Amino acid sequence: MKRLFFLLLIIFTSISYAQEKKKIEYYAEQQEADEEKYPGATMLLGNVRMKHDGIDLTCQKALYYKKENFFKAIGTVFIKQGDTITQTSDYADYDANYKQALSWGNVVLKDPTMTLTTDTLQFDRINQKLYYKTFATIKDATNTLKSKIGNYYLENKKFTATTRVTVVNPEHNLESDHLDYYTETGFTYLWGPSTITNTKNKNKIYCEKGFYDTKTDISHFVKNAKLYLKERTVEGDSLYYDKRKGFASATNNIKVIDTVQNFITKGNYAEIFELKDSLFIIKRAVAITIVEKDSMFVHGDTLLVTGKPEKRIIRTFHNVKIFKSDLQGKCDSIYTNQATGFTKMYRNPVIWSDKNQITGDTIYLKSNIDTEKLDSLKVFNNSFIISKDSLSIDDFNQIKGRNMYGKFEDNKLKTMLVDGNAESVYYNRNEQTNIIETITKEISSNIEFTFDKGIVESIKYLKATEGKTYPPSKLPEEVKKLKNFIWRESEQPKKMEDIFIIDTDVIKAPIKKTGFIETILDEKKIGKKKPTKAVILPDSDKKQ
């Protein structure tokens, strides 16, 4: 039984070996041998043909080494595999035992999807793989690929190209050190530092790992992904871009840099509509305006940037907080027009300037568009300014009225005019001892006051007043704080990181149905039905 088993094993091995070592078939008009010049070879001349296991070869001259089962073709070499793959070259070596072909000199290989040209090409027939190490050019219906080193897998029409790789078509130029390219689909997978440049508008994409569809211009990039648009640079952990639609989306650690304005937006999810000049960003969204060495940070649940740089509008919705070293703020919604320098705060707004808390139904801030420094302030309806007395715990200087108008100098609040129904409570301290001597309550239609280092320096009553001065011991409790007094220091962002804190215990004013949010977001509703009462439109810079 053992003998029979070994006999069958030997027969099977011999058959397999014979199949693997299938001999070359050849034909030539003339055959001769020159052992001195070509030892062990048969020289073939004139209309030389060779066949081996599905491959056909023709050439002008050849050397056939029967013992080694090796064929060396010389001059006008033409190789055909099956009905689809053809190759021409000046020279070719073919090892029939291992089904390996080496071609050099003006090599051109074609299949139904592409044409490859190079100086030297290795063909591994067992694995149906082509590879080169001395530069090659591959052309298909869409692209031209070049690289120093590469492999081409015939079964799945895939190129793996490394070292100085370019993929060029009429609209794009791709540069990389390592990529996979599929000639049938035009899919490109990037595995190293890569840059794609739009030849028409010069937009660029950089990544170190990603996918690019060269036929549809849709791409998805990860690892240090950056999109360089005409007026913006977009960075993120993950970046999707549809060039034809002009749409991009980014996820996690996003930074959008406005290359025209000194403006940066950050967040963890963004959508960019290039053709509409708009940006939508959520998840820890923050807009950063760079002002000299002191930037302003504005955070909200949703950030929307629209318009070209010279007419850019920035809208921030819900849980909005502002931080700047000399100015902080909070509201539900905020609107900024970079062309006019107006920033408008809606729904329960508050700002802190130095030691002053300013509130009202609506607050407008005006910046100088050239210097980007604060210029003026407008507070409409129920305006209220409070500053805590510097040496006491529960004493506050207060001024309230219908509207307030203020002016800034070097980003510091310098003057303030209260227009209509003005009231004030002011604690007067002895300049020498700093002891509170009197508390004054005044009522007037208009009050003007000035600040010095955030402290009220002087007060001017522009019309007749009704007032009374109290010693500290005689101050009535109802006079101590004006009506609707709310001290909101706990909501104030004291450092930049505080803008991301959501104040869940704060009572918010109700949203009016015809308010700012609906004006911006519900365009269809506004188009069908006019509001029943006047609203503040986001593009209005006029005083109410």
Protein backbone atom coordinates (compact mmCIF):
# COMPACT_ATOMS: atom_id res chain seq x y z
CA MET A 1 0.00 0.00 0.00
CA LYS A 2 2.85 2.37 0.86
CA ARG A 3 4.57 1.59 -2.45
CA LEU A 4 1.37 2.37 -4.32
CA PHE A 5 1.03 5.68 -2.47
CA PHE A 6 4.61 6.76 -3.26
CA LEU A 7 4.22 5.66 -6.87
CA LEU A 8 1.08 7.80 -7.27
CA LEU A 9 2.85 10.71 -5.58
CA ILE A 10 5.80 10.45 -7.99
CA ILE A 11 3.47 10.26 -11.01
CA PHE A 12 1.43 13.25 -9.82
CA THR A 13 4.58 15.29 -9.15
CA SER A 14 5.97 14.42 -12.56
CA ILE A 15 2.73 15.44 -14.28
CA SER A 16 2.61 18.72 -12.34
CA TYR A 17 6.26 19.41 -13.11
CA ALA A 18 5.68 18.63 -16.78
CA GLN A 19 2.75 21.03 -16.84
CA GLU A 20 4.75 23.76 -15.12
CA LYS A 21 7.71 23.23 -17.46
CA LYS A 22 5.73 23.29 -20.66
CA LYS A 23 8.15 23.78 -23.53
CA ILE A 24 8.21 26.73 -25.89
CA GLU A 25 6.87 26.27 -29.40
CA TYR A 26 8.69 28.29 -32.06
CA TYR A 27 9.09 28.82 -35.81
CA ALA A 28 11.70 30.61 -37.91
CA GLU A 29 12.71 30.68 -41.58
CA GLN A 30 16.28 29.94 -40.61
CA GLN A 31 17.83 28.16 -37.63
CA GLU A 32 21.50 27.81 -36.81
CA ALA A 33 23.84 27.31 -33.88
CA ASP A 34 27.02 29.18 -32.92
CA GLU A 35 28.36 27.56 -29.74
CA GLU A 36 31.33 29.87 -29.64
CA LYS A 37 29.22 33.02 -29.77
CA TYR A 38 25.94 31.79 -28.25
CA PRO A 39 26.70 28.61 -26.25
CA GLY A 40 23.61 26.43 -25.67
CA ALA A 41 21.40 28.57 -27.91
CA THR A 42 19.64 28.08 -31.23
CA MET A 43 19.72 31.21 -33.37
CA LEU A 44 16.39 31.94 -35.07
CA LEU A 45 16.22 34.29 -38.06
CA GLY A 46 13.41 35.53 -40.32
CA ASN A 47 9.74 35.73 -39.38
CA VAL A 48 10.41 34.38 -35.89
CA ARG A 49 7.39 33.24 -33.90
CA MET A 50 7.05 31.82 -30.42
CA LYS A 51 4.09 30.41 -28.48
CA HIS A 52 3.84 29.41 -24.86
CA ASP A 53 0.75 28.80 -22.75
CA GLY A 54 -1.47 31.53 -24.22
CA ILE A 55 1.23 34.01 -25.22
CA ASP A 56 2.28 34.69 -28.84
CA LEU A 57 5.53 36.47 -29.72
CA THR A 58 7.01 37.62 -33.03
CA CYS A 59 10.34 39.32 -33.69
CA GLN A 60 13.12 39.71 -36.28
CA LYS A 61 15.69 37.59 -34.48
CA ALA A 62 15.81 35.35 -31.43
CA LEU A 63 17.97 33.06 -29.32
CA TYR A 64 16.27 29.96 -27.97
CA TYR A 65 17.87 28.13 -25.03
CA LYS A 66 16.16 24.76 -25.07
CA LYS A 67 17.70 23.41 -21.88
CA GLU A 68 16.74 26.49 -19.86
CA ASN A 69 13.40 26.85 -21.71
CA PHE A 70 14.37 30.48 -22.26
CA PHE A 71 13.70 32.75 -25.24
CA LYS A 72 15.51 36.00 -26.09
CA ALA A 73 13.77 38.14 -28.74
CA ILE A 74 15.63 40.85 -30.66
CA GLY A 75 14.22 43.59 -32.90
CA THR A 76 10.59 44.69 -33.44
CA VAL A 77 9.26 42.44 -30.70
CA PHE A 78 5.48 41.97 -30.58
CA ILE A 79 3.80 40.06 -27.73
CA LYS A 80 0.13 39.17 -27.51
CA GLN A 81 -1.64 37.57 -24.56
CA GLY A 82 -5.17 36.39 -25.28
CA ASP A 83 -7.35 38.76 -27.27
CA THR A 84 -6.83 41.88 -25.16
CA ILE A 85 -3.19 42.53 -24.26
CA THR A 86 -0.50 43.50 -26.78
CA GLN A 87 3.02 44.78 -26.30
CA THR A 88 5.82 46.05 -28.54
CA SER A 89 9.47 46.64 -27.66
CA ASP A 90 12.98 46.50 -29.08
CA TYR A 91 14.02 43.50 -26.97
CA ALA A 92 12.41 40.89 -24.72
CA ASP A 93 13.53 37.96 -22.58
CA TYR A 94 11.01 35.22 -21.78
CA ASP A 95 11.52 32.56 -19.11
CA ALA A 96 8.97 29.82 -19.89
CA ASN A 97 9.63 27.95 -16.65
CA TYR A 98 8.51 30.86 -14.46
CA LYS A 99 6.37 32.67 -17.07
CA GLN A 100 8.36 35.85 -16.67
CA ALA A 101 8.95 38.34 -19.47
CA LEU A 102 11.39 41.25 -19.41
CA SER A 103 11.04 43.83 -22.18
CA TRP A 104 13.13 46.93 -22.81
CA GLY A 105 13.63 49.60 -25.40
CA ASN A 106 10.53 51.65 -26.42
CA VAL A 107 8.10 49.40 -24.56
CA VAL A 108 4.41 50.00 -25.33
CA LEU A 109 1.76 47.81 -23.71
CA LYS A 110 -1.96 48.11 -24.46
CA ASP A 111 -5.13 46.64 -23.06
CA PRO A 112 -8.76 47.78 -23.61
CA THR A 113 -8.54 50.42 -20.84
CA MET A 114 -5.06 51.94 -21.13
CA THR A 115 -1.72 52.32 -22.91
CA LEU A 116 1.55 52.01 -20.98
CA THR A 117 4.90 53.26 -22.28
CA THR A 118 8.24 52.83 -20.55
CA ASP A 119 11.85 51.86 -21.16
CA THR A 120 11.86 48.59 -19.20
CA LEU A 121 8.90 46.44 -18.19
CA GLN A 122 8.69 43.19 -16.24
CA PHE A 123 5.68 40.91 -16.92
CA ASP A 124 4.80 38.29 -14.29
CA ARG A 125 2.29 36.10 -16.16
CA ILE A 126 1.57 33.83 -13.21
CA ASN A 127 0.27 36.74 -11.12
CA GLN A 128 -0.79 38.78 -14.17
CA LYS A 129 1.29 41.64 -12.94
CA LEU A 130 3.41 44.25 -14.73
CA TYR A 131 6.02 46.32 -12.95
CA TYR A 132 8.60 48.96 -13.80
CA LYS A 133 11.31 50.87 -11.95
CA THR A 134 12.52 53.40 -14.51
CA PHE A 135 9.49 55.66 -15.06
CA ALA A 136 6.39 54.89 -17.08
CA THR A 137 3.43 56.75 -18.58
CA ILE A 138 -0.07 55.29 -18.53
CA LYS A 139 -2.87 56.83 -20.58
CA ASP A 140 -6.55 55.93 -20.44
CA ALA A 141 -9.71 57.66 -21.65
CA THR A 142 -9.61 60.18 -18.79
CA ASN A 143 -6.12 60.55 -17.34
CA THR A 144 -2.40 60.36 -17.94
CA LEU A 145 -0.49 58.77 -15.06
CA LYS A 146 3.28 58.97 -14.65
CA SER A 147 5.51 57.52 -11.95
CA LYS A 148 9.03 56.30 -11.40
CA ILE A 149 8.03 52.95 -9.89
CA GLY A 150 4.78 51.07 -10.36
CA ASN A 151 2.85 47.83 -10.63
CA TYR A 152 -0.11 47.12 -12.90
CA TYR A 153 -2.47 44.24 -12.06
CA LEU A 154 -4.19 43.10 -15.24
CA GLU A 155 -7.13 41.28 -13.66
CA ASN A 156 -8.56 44.28 -11.77
CA LYS A 157 -7.01 47.00 -13.96
CA LYS A 158 -5.20 48.51 -11.01
CA PHE A 159 -2.00 50.57 -10.91
CA THR A 160 0.01 50.90 -7.74
CA ALA A 161 2.36 53.80 -8.43
CA THR A 162 5.08 55.12 -6.14
CA THR A 163 7.75 57.83 -6.27
CA ARG A 164 7.09 61.07 -8.16
CA VAL A 165 3.56 60.17 -9.23
CA THR A 166 1.36 62.48 -11.31
CA VAL A 167 -2.16 62.00 -12.68
CA VAL A 168 -3.17 64.67 -15.19
CA ASN A 169 -6.39 65.40 -17.08
CA PRO A 170 -7.71 68.62 -18.70
CA GLU A 171 -9.08 69.87 -15.37
CA HIS A 172 -6.79 68.50 -12.67
CA ASN A 173 -3.19 67.77 -11.86
CA LEU A 174 -2.54 65.25 -9.06
CA GLU A 175 0.87 64.82 -7.43
CA SER A 176 1.63 62.06 -4.95
CA ASP A 177 4.27 59.65 -3.69
CA HIS A 178 1.98 56.62 -3.47
CA LEU A 179 -1.43 55.86 -4.97
CA ASP A 180 -3.63 53.12 -6.39
CA TYR A 181 -5.37 53.94 -9.66
CA TYR A 182 -8.07 51.88 -11.40
CA THR A 183 -8.17 52.48 -15.14
CA GLU A 184 -11.73 51.21 -15.65
CA THR A 185 -13.41 53.36 -12.99
CA GLY A 186 -10.95 56.25 -12.66
CA PHE A 187 -10.88 55.69 -8.87
CA THR A 188 -7.71 56.87 -7.14
CA TYR A 189 -6.71 55.89 -3.60
CA LEU A 190 -4.00 58.06 -2.06
CA TRP A 191 -1.62 56.61 0.51
CA GLY A 192 0.93 59.38 0.99
CA PRO A 193 1.34 63.17 0.82
CA SER A 194 -0.77 64.18 -2.19
CA THR A 195 -1.90 67.43 -3.84
CA ILE A 196 -4.67 67.89 -6.39
CA THR A 197 -4.70 71.19 -8.30
CA ASN A 198 -7.60 72.47 -10.39
CA THR A 199 -5.97 73.79 -13.56
CA LYS A 200 -8.84 76.23 -14.22
CA ASN A 201 -9.34 78.04 -10.90
CA LYS A 202 -6.14 76.92 -9.10
CA ASN A 203 -8.07 75.41 -6.16
CA LYS A 204 -5.97 72.81 -4.35
CA ILE A 205 -6.53 69.80 -2.12
CA TYR A 206 -3.85 68.30 0.10
CA CYS A 207 -4.06 65.10 2.12
CA GLU A 208 -1.97 62.16 3.27
CA LYS A 209 -4.70 59.57 2.80
CA GLY A 210 -7.84 59.67 0.72
CA PHE A 211 -10.00 58.78 -2.26
CA TYR A 212 -10.47 60.70 -5.52
CA ASP A 213 -12.86 59.87 -8.38
CA THR A 214 -11.17 61.37 -11.43
CA LYS A 215 -14.29 60.99 -13.58
CA THR A 216 -16.86 62.64 -11.27
CA ASP A 217 -14.48 65.01 -9.39
CA ILE A 218 -15.75 63.69 -6.06
CA SER A 219 -13.16 63.15 -3.35
CA HIS A 220 -12.92 62.14 0.29
CA PHE A 221 -9.75 62.82 2.24
CA VAL A 222 -8.46 62.04 5.70
CA LYS A 223 -5.22 62.65 7.59
CA ASN A 224 -4.11 66.30 7.41
CA ALA A 225 -6.74 67.10 4.79
CA LYS A 226 -6.75 70.68 3.49
CA LEU A 227 -8.86 72.33 0.79
CA TYR A 228 -7.49 75.57 -0.68
CA LEU A 229 -10.31 77.54 -2.31
CA LYS A 230 -10.05 80.98 -3.87
CA GLU A 231 -11.01 82.83 -0.71
CA ARG A 232 -10.92 80.11 1.96
CA THR A 233 -8.70 77.36 3.30
CA VAL A 234 -10.54 74.41 4.88
CA GLU A 235 -8.83 71.96 7.24
CA GLY A 236 -10.30 68.93 9.01
CA ASP A 237 -9.75 65.34 10.09
CA SER A 238 -12.08 64.26 7.28
CA LEU A 239 -12.91 66.25 4.16
CA TYR A 240 -15.45 65.54 1.39
CA TYR A 241 -15.42 67.61 -1.82
CA ASP A 242 -17.67 67.60 -4.88
CA LYS A 243 -15.90 69.94 -7.27
CA ARG A 244 -18.68 70.12 -9.88
CA LYS A 245 -21.31 71.10 -7.33
CA GLY A 246 -18.89 73.34 -5.46
CA PHE A 247 -19.77 71.57 -2.20
CA ALA A 248 -17.46 70.50 0.60
CA SER A 249 -18.08 69.06 4.05
CA ALA A 250 -15.56 68.61 6.85
CA THR A 251 -15.68 66.66 10.11
CA ASN A 252 -13.74 67.05 13.38
CA ASN A 253 -11.09 69.64 14.23
CA ILE A 254 -12.24 71.92 11.44
CA LYS A 255 -10.57 75.22 10.69
CA VAL A 256 -11.84 77.47 7.91
CA ILE A 257 -9.50 80.38 7.23
CA ASP A 258 -10.78 83.40 5.31
CA THR A 259 -7.72 84.37 3.26
CA VAL A 260 -9.17 87.79 2.40
CA GLN A 261 -10.49 88.90 5.80
CA ASN A 262 -8.73 88.30 9.12
CA PHE A 263 -11.34 85.72 10.00
CA ILE A 264 -11.26 82.07 11.12
CA THR A 265 -14.09 79.66 11.89
CA LYS A 266 -13.73 76.41 13.81
CA GLY A 267 -15.97 73.50 14.75
CA ASN A 268 -16.50 69.77 14.35
CA TYR A 269 -18.83 69.72 11.34
CA ALA A 270 -18.98 72.15 8.43
CA GLU A 271 -20.54 72.47 5.00
CA ILE A 272 -19.14 74.85 2.40
CA PHE A 273 -21.17 75.92 -0.63
CA GLU A 274 -18.49 77.37 -2.89
CA LEU A 275 -20.80 78.64 -5.66
CA LYS A 276 -23.01 80.44 -3.13
CA ASP A 277 -20.13 81.80 -1.03
CA SER A 278 -21.58 80.30 2.14
CA LEU A 279 -20.34 78.30 5.11
CA PHE A 280 -22.39 76.36 7.66
CA ILE A 281 -20.68 75.06 10.80
CA ILE A 282 -21.92 73.34 13.99
CA LYS A 283 -20.58 71.36 16.99
CA ARG A 284 -18.42 73.72 19.07
CA ALA A 285 -18.66 76.29 16.30
CA VAL A 286 -16.64 79.45 16.88
CA ALA A 287 -15.88 82.48 14.72
CA ILE A 288 -12.57 84.22 15.37
CA THR A 289 -11.95 87.76 14.22
CA ILE A 290 -8.27 88.61 14.42
CA VAL A 291 -7.83 92.16 15.75
CA GLU A 292 -4.15 93.01 16.16
CA LYS A 293 -2.99 90.87 19.10
CA ASP A 294 -6.43 90.56 20.69
CA SER A 295 -8.86 88.33 18.80
CA MET A 296 -12.62 88.18 19.31
CA PHE A 297 -14.22 84.73 19.70
CA VAL A 298 -17.94 84.20 18.98
CA HIS A 299 -19.47 80.80 19.75
CA GLY A 300 -22.94 79.43 19.10
CA ASP A 301 -24.72 76.17 18.34
CA THR A 302 -24.86 77.09 14.65
CA LEU A 303 -22.67 79.41 12.61
CA LEU A 304 -23.62 80.61 9.12
CA VAL A 305 -21.29 82.72 6.94
CA THR A 306 -22.59 84.04 3.62
CA GLY A 307 -21.51 86.44 0.91
CA LYS A 308 -18.28 87.43 -0.77
CA PRO A 309 -15.48 88.83 1.43
CA GLU A 310 -16.38 92.47 0.80
CA LYS A 311 -20.04 91.79 1.69
CA ARG A 312 -19.69 88.95 4.18
CA ILE A 313 -22.48 88.29 6.69
CA ILE A 314 -21.95 86.16 9.81
CA ARG A 315 -24.97 84.77 11.68
CA THR A 316 -24.68 82.78 14.90
CA PHE A 317 -27.67 81.06 16.47
CA HIS A 318 -28.48 79.84 19.99
CA ASN A 319 -26.36 79.90 23.16
CA VAL A 320 -24.16 82.61 21.72
CA LYS A 321 -21.20 83.82 23.76
CA ILE A 322 -18.52 86.38 22.91
CA PHE A 323 -15.05 86.64 24.39
CA LYS A 324 -12.46 89.36 23.93
CA SER A 325 -10.02 90.44 26.60
CA ASP A 326 -11.80 93.80 27.02
CA LEU A 327 -15.32 92.81 25.92
CA GLN A 328 -17.54 89.80 26.59
CA GLY A 329 -21.12 89.12 25.60
CA LYS A 330 -24.00 86.68 25.51
CA CYS A 331 -27.30 86.39 23.63
CA ASP A 332 -29.37 83.88 21.70
CA SER A 333 -28.63 85.11 18.17
CA ILE A 334 -26.08 87.45 16.68
CA TYR A 335 -25.63 89.04 13.26
CA THR A 336 -22.43 90.65 11.93
CA ASN A 337 -22.01 92.56 8.67
CA GLN A 338 -18.29 92.80 7.96
CA ALA A 339 -18.86 95.41 5.22
CA THR A 340 -20.53 97.88 7.60
CA GLY A 341 -18.91 96.75 10.84
CA PHE A 342 -22.30 96.24 12.53
CA THR A 343 -22.83 93.44 15.05
CA LYS A 344 -26.43 92.97 16.27
CA MET A 345 -27.32 90.90 19.33
CA TYR A 346 -30.85 89.55 19.76
CA ARG A 347 -32.92 87.97 22.54
CA ASN A 348 -31.84 88.67 26.10
CA PRO A 349 -28.44 90.14 25.13
CA VAL A 350 -25.79 91.24 27.60
CA ILE A 351 -22.28 92.60 27.16
CA TRP A 352 -19.56 93.24 29.70
CA SER A 353 -17.20 96.12 28.97
CA ASP A 354 -14.53 96.54 31.62
CA LYS A 355 -16.53 96.62 34.87
CA ASN A 356 -19.88 97.41 33.26
CA GLN A 357 -22.76 95.08 32.47
CA ILE A 358 -25.01 96.36 29.67
CA THR A 359 -28.37 94.80 28.80
CA GLY A 360 -31.39 95.62 26.64
CA ASP A 361 -33.88 94.03 24.26
CA THR A 362 -31.41 94.44 21.38
CA ILE A 363 -27.77 95.55 21.33
CA TYR A 364 -25.85 96.86 18.31
CA LEU A 365 -22.07 97.16 18.22
CA LYS A 366 -20.34 99.18 15.50
CA SER A 367 -16.69 98.58 14.58
CA ASN A 368 -14.37 100.68 12.46
CA ILE A 369 -14.01 98.59 9.28
CA ASP A 370 -10.46 99.88 8.71
CA THR A 371 -8.99 99.44 12.19
CA GLU A 372 -11.53 96.77 13.31
CA LYS A 373 -11.69 98.50 16.70
CA LEU A 374 -15.00 99.10 18.46
CA ASP A 375 -16.50 102.46 17.55
CA SER A 376 -19.97 102.75 19.08
CA LEU A 377 -22.76 100.98 20.92
CA LYS A 378 -26.57 101.11 20.65
CA VAL A 379 -28.95 99.51 23.16
CA PHE A 380 -32.65 99.51 22.23
CA ASN A 381 -35.54 99.21 24.69
CA ASN A 382 -35.17 98.44 28.41
CA SER A 383 -31.52 99.46 28.34
CA PHE A 384 -29.70 98.93 31.61
CA ILE A 385 -26.08 99.44 32.64
CA ILE A 386 -24.76 98.15 35.96
CA SER A 387 -21.34 98.34 37.55
CA LYS A 388 -20.53 96.78 40.87
CA ASP A 389 -19.20 99.16 43.49
CA SER A 390 -15.51 98.41 43.73
CA LEU A 391 -15.32 98.14 47.51
CA SER A 392 -18.60 96.49 48.47
CA ILE A 393 -20.27 93.14 47.95
CA ASP A 394 -23.86 94.02 47.17
CA ASP A 395 -23.82 97.67 46.05
CA PHE A 396 -24.22 98.55 42.38
CA ASN A 397 -24.11 101.77 40.38
CA GLN A 398 -27.01 101.64 37.93
CA ILE A 399 -28.39 103.57 34.97
CA LYS A 400 -31.44 102.54 32.97
CA GLY A 401 -33.66 104.03 30.30
CA ARG A 402 -35.42 103.40 27.02
CA ASN A 403 -32.37 103.50 24.68
CA MET A 404 -28.62 104.02 25.15
CA TYR A 405 -25.93 105.22 22.75
CA GLY A 406 -22.24 104.81 23.60
CA LYS A 407 -18.85 105.63 22.10
CA PHE A 408 -15.58 103.69 22.41
CA GLU A 409 -11.99 104.90 22.44
CA ASP A 410 -9.28 102.25 21.96
CA ASN A 411 -11.92 99.55 22.55
CA LYS A 412 -12.82 101.12 25.92
CA LEU A 413 -16.29 102.50 26.58
CA LYS A 414 -15.83 106.28 26.96
CA THR A 415 -19.26 107.96 26.87
CA MET A 416 -22.88 106.85 27.14
CA LEU A 417 -26.13 108.72 26.48
CA VAL A 418 -29.40 107.45 27.96
CA ASP A 419 -32.31 108.60 25.79
CA GLY A 420 -35.74 108.49 27.41
CA ASN A 421 -37.04 107.54 30.89
CA ALA A 422 -33.57 107.70 32.38
CA GLU A 423 -32.99 106.65 35.99
CA SER A 424 -29.79 106.26 37.96
CA VAL A 425 -28.53 105.08 41.31
CA TYR A 426 -24.98 106.11 42.15
CA TYR A 427 -22.80 105.45 45.21
CA ASN A 428 -20.63 108.44 46.12
CA ARG A 429 -17.37 107.67 47.93
CA ASN A 430 -15.02 110.04 49.68
CA GLU A 431 -11.96 110.46 47.47
CA GLN A 432 -9.62 110.34 50.47
CA THR A 433 -11.13 107.59 52.61
CA ASN A 434 -13.10 105.63 49.93
CA ILE A 435 -16.00 105.49 52.40
CA ILE A 436 -19.52 105.71 50.96
CA GLU A 437 -20.94 109.07 51.97
CA THR A 438 -24.16 109.27 49.99
CA ILE A 439 -26.30 107.36 47.50
CA THR A 440 -28.07 109.42 44.82
CA LYS A 441 -31.25 108.39 43.02
CA GLU A 442 -32.06 110.52 39.94
CA ILE A 443 -34.86 110.48 37.33
CA SER A 444 -34.51 112.39 34.06
CA SER A 445 -35.53 112.06 30.43
CA ASN A 446 -31.86 112.03 29.28
CA ILE A 447 -28.57 111.34 31.04
CA GLU A 448 -25.05 111.55 29.65
CA PHE A 449 -22.10 110.06 31.48
CA THR A 450 -18.41 109.39 30.85
CA PHE A 451 -16.11 106.55 31.88
CA ASP A 452 -12.51 106.38 32.94
CA LYS A 453 -10.96 102.91 33.08
CA GLY A 454 -14.43 101.37 33.16
CA ILE A 455 -15.62 103.52 36.11
CA VAL A 456 -18.22 106.27 35.80
CA GLU A 457 -16.27 109.52 35.94
CA SER A 458 -19.03 112.11 35.48
CA ILE A 459 -22.79 112.28 35.05
CA LYS A 460 -24.69 115.05 33.24
CA TYR A 461 -28.46 115.38 33.41
CA LEU A 462 -29.54 117.04 30.18
CA LYS A 463 -33.08 117.94 31.33
CA ALA A 464 -34.79 118.66 34.61
CA THR A 465 -34.43 115.89 37.14
CA GLU A 466 -36.19 114.45 40.10
CA GLY A 467 -33.75 113.13 42.58
CA LYS A 468 -32.83 112.51 46.16
CA THR A 469 -29.62 111.83 48.02
CA TYR A 470 -29.50 109.39 50.94
CA PRO A 471 -26.91 108.67 53.59
CA PRO A 472 -26.04 104.97 53.65
CA SER A 473 -27.96 104.33 56.85
CA LYS A 474 -31.14 105.92 55.46
CA LEU A 475 -31.18 104.23 52.05
CA PRO A 476 -34.57 102.50 51.46
CA GLU A 477 -34.31 98.95 50.24
CA GLU A 478 -36.54 99.66 47.22
CA VAL A 479 -34.16 102.42 46.08
CA LYS A 480 -31.07 100.27 46.32
CA LYS A 481 -31.81 98.48 43.02
CA LEU A 482 -33.76 99.82 40.07
CA LYS A 483 -36.72 97.89 38.69
CA ASN A 484 -35.78 94.86 36.53
CA PHE A 485 -32.27 94.78 38.03
CA ILE A 486 -30.48 91.47 37.21
CA TRP A 487 -26.79 90.94 37.93
CA ARG A 488 -25.56 88.33 35.40
CA GLU A 489 -21.90 87.98 36.34
CA SER A 490 -22.25 84.17 36.59
CA GLU A 491 -22.95 84.07 32.83
CA GLN A 492 -19.90 86.11 31.88
CA PRO A 493 -17.14 84.18 30.04
CA LYS A 494 -13.98 85.06 31.96
CA LYS A 495 -11.69 83.21 29.57
CA MET A 496 -11.95 81.97 25.99
CA GLU A 497 -12.81 78.39 26.99
CA ASP A 498 -15.89 79.63 28.88
CA ILE A 499 -17.73 80.43 25.63
CA PHE A 500 -18.49 76.70 25.27
CA ILE A 501 -20.26 76.48 28.65
CA ILE A 502 -24.07 76.29 28.31
CA ASP A 503 -25.88 78.11 31.12
CA THR A 504 -28.83 75.78 31.72
CA ASP A 505 -30.19 77.66 34.74
CA VAL A 506 -30.72 80.98 33.00
CA ILE A 507 -34.30 82.05 32.23
CA LYS A 508 -34.53 83.17 28.63
CA ALA A 509 -36.93 85.66 27.11
CA PRO A 510 -39.57 84.03 24.85
CA ILE A 511 -38.95 84.02 21.10
CA LYS A 512 -41.44 86.10 19.15
CA LYS A 513 -42.93 84.39 16.14
CA THR A 514 -41.86 87.26 13.90
CA GLY A 515 -38.42 87.55 15.44
CA PHE A 516 -34.92 87.38 14.02
CA ILE A 517 -34.58 83.60 13.78
CA GLU A 518 -37.70 83.17 11.66
CA THR A 519 -36.62 86.06 9.45
CA ILE A 520 -33.41 84.24 8.59
CA LEU A 521 -34.41 80.59 8.54
CA ASP A 522 -38.04 80.45 7.44
CA GLU A 523 -37.85 82.11 4.04
CA LYS A 524 -40.78 80.13 2.65
CA LYS A 525 -43.02 81.26 5.49
CA ILE A 526 -42.08 84.90 5.05
CA GLY A 527 -42.65 84.64 1.33
CA LYS A 528 -46.21 83.40 1.83
CA LYS A 529 -47.33 85.56 4.73
CA LYS A 530 -46.30 89.04 5.85
CA PRO A 531 -45.46 89.48 9.55
CA THR A 532 -48.23 91.00 11.62
CA LYS A 533 -45.86 93.39 13.39
CA ALA A 534 -42.61 95.17 12.61
CA VAL A 535 -39.44 93.11 12.79
CA ILE A 536 -35.75 94.00 12.81
CA LEU A 537 -34.34 92.75 9.52
CA PRO A 538 -30.74 91.47 9.65
CA ASP A 539 -29.50 93.81 6.94
CA SER A 540 -30.88 96.97 8.57
CA ASP A 541 -28.30 99.30 10.09
CA LYS A 542 -30.81 102.09 10.82
CA LYS A 543 -31.59 103.28 14.33
CA GLN A 544 -34.94 102.12 15.59
